[in-house]
Protein backbone atom coordinates (compact mmCIF):
# COMPACT_ATOMS: atom_id res chain seq x y z
CA MET A 1 7.17 -2.91 -18.30
CA THR A 2 6.75 -6.23 -16.51
CA ILE A 3 8.16 -7.33 -13.21
CA ALA A 4 10.04 -10.44 -14.25
CA ASN A 5 10.62 -13.92 -12.86
CA HIS A 6 8.58 -14.41 -9.67
CA GLU A 7 5.51 -12.33 -10.36
CA PRO A 8 2.04 -13.88 -10.40
CA SER A 9 0.43 -14.09 -13.81
CA GLY A 10 -1.07 -10.76 -14.77
CA PHE A 11 1.44 -8.74 -12.71
CA HIS A 12 2.23 -5.99 -15.19
CA ILE A 13 3.17 -2.39 -14.53
CA ASP A 14 3.46 0.26 -17.24
CA GLY A 15 5.21 3.60 -16.98
CA ILE A 16 7.04 3.33 -13.67
CA ASP A 17 10.67 3.85 -12.83
CA PRO A 18 12.96 0.89 -11.99
CA MET A 19 13.21 1.79 -8.27
CA GLU A 20 9.43 1.82 -7.88
CA GLU A 21 9.18 -1.42 -9.84
CA THR A 22 11.73 -3.08 -7.53
CA LEU A 23 9.90 -1.95 -4.39
CA LEU A 24 6.55 -3.09 -5.80
CA LYS A 25 8.04 -6.47 -6.57
CA GLU A 26 9.37 -6.74 -3.01
CA LEU A 27 5.95 -5.86 -1.59
CA ASP A 28 4.28 -8.37 -3.90
CA GLU A 29 6.68 -11.10 -2.75
CA MET A 30 5.79 -10.22 0.87
CA GLY A 31 2.12 -10.78 0.07
CA PHE A 32 0.96 -7.22 -0.54
CA LYS A 33 -0.95 -7.81 -3.79
CA GLU A 34 -2.89 -4.53 -4.19
CA ILE A 35 -0.56 -2.87 -6.71
CA ASN A 36 -2.31 0.51 -6.84
CA LEU A 37 -2.50 0.70 -3.05
CA ASN A 38 1.17 -0.22 -2.78
CA LYS A 39 2.14 2.47 -5.32
CA GLU A 40 0.14 5.12 -3.49
CA ILE A 41 1.64 4.24 -0.10
CA LEU A 42 5.19 4.10 -1.49
CA ARG A 43 4.72 7.54 -3.03
CA LEU A 44 3.23 8.99 0.17
CA ASN A 45 6.28 7.73 2.05
CA GLU A 46 8.76 8.94 -0.58
CA TYR A 47 9.73 5.29 -1.30
CA ASN A 48 10.74 4.53 2.29
CA LEU A 49 10.04 0.77 2.35
CA GLU A 50 10.01 0.38 6.14
CA GLN A 51 7.53 3.22 6.63
CA SER A 52 5.43 1.92 3.74
CA LEU A 53 5.28 -1.52 5.34
CA ASP A 54 4.12 0.03 8.62
CA ASP A 55 1.40 1.94 6.79
CA LEU A 56 0.29 -1.04 4.72
CA CYS A 57 -0.01 -3.20 7.84
CA GLY A 58 -2.07 -0.48 9.52
CA ILE A 59 -4.30 -0.01 6.50
CA ILE A 60 -4.91 -3.74 6.24
CA ASP A 61 -5.91 -3.89 9.92
CA VAL A 62 -8.42 -1.06 9.45
CA TRP A 63 -9.59 -2.50 6.12
CA CYS A 64 -10.37 -5.85 7.78
CA MET A 65 -12.26 -4.12 10.58
CA LEU A 66 -14.37 -2.24 8.03
CA GLU A 67 -15.26 -5.45 6.22
CA VAL A 68 -16.14 -7.24 9.48
CA GLN A 69 -18.43 -4.33 10.37
CA GLY A 70 -20.30 -4.72 7.09
CA PHE A 71 -18.51 -2.24 4.85
CA ALA A 72 -17.99 -4.77 2.07
CA ASP A 73 -17.27 -2.46 -0.90
CA ARG A 74 -13.51 -3.08 -1.15
CA GLU A 75 -12.82 -0.40 -3.75
CA ARG A 76 -14.71 2.26 -1.82
CA ASN A 77 -13.01 1.27 1.42
CA LYS A 78 -9.62 1.47 -0.30
CA LYS A 79 -10.33 4.95 -1.67
CA VAL A 80 -11.50 6.24 1.72
CA LEU A 81 -8.52 4.73 3.53
CA LEU A 82 -6.04 6.18 1.05
CA LYS A 83 -7.64 9.60 1.29
CA LYS A 84 -7.61 9.58 5.09
CA TRP A 85 -4.16 7.99 5.35
CA GLY A 86 -2.57 10.66 3.18
CA LYS A 87 -4.20 13.50 5.14
CA HIS A 88 -3.17 11.97 8.44
CA GLN A 89 0.40 11.47 7.28
CA ALA A 90 0.63 15.09 6.12
CA SER A 91 -0.64 16.36 9.48
CA CYS A 92 1.84 14.16 11.37
CA ASN A 93 4.80 15.07 9.14
CA GLY A 94 5.53 11.36 8.75
CA SER A 95 6.19 10.84 12.46
CA HIS A 96 3.31 8.42 13.03
CA ARG A 97 3.44 4.71 13.77
CA TRP A 98 0.43 2.67 12.79
CA ARG A 99 1.45 -0.72 14.06
CA LYS A 100 -0.18 -2.10 17.15
CA SER A 101 2.07 -2.23 20.20
């Protein structure tokens, strides 16, 4: 299954439902290009786009801080952030806000 029309070349997603595909396309159009990260965050937030955007913005802030501090392995950083983000969300019952005030 391919997200049609405005996707960058190589943007191809197999085996997902149309709702997830639509949300992934929206995130991609907003500049969130890490498809697997976007899928994981959408699923953690039960496809709540607003909450997913908050989480993605928070993750990107932390991700950038890690890279500035010398943690340059992007894939490892992503795995650690996803693991910690999911645990934190579960402990907060989804009531957290990650954005800076």
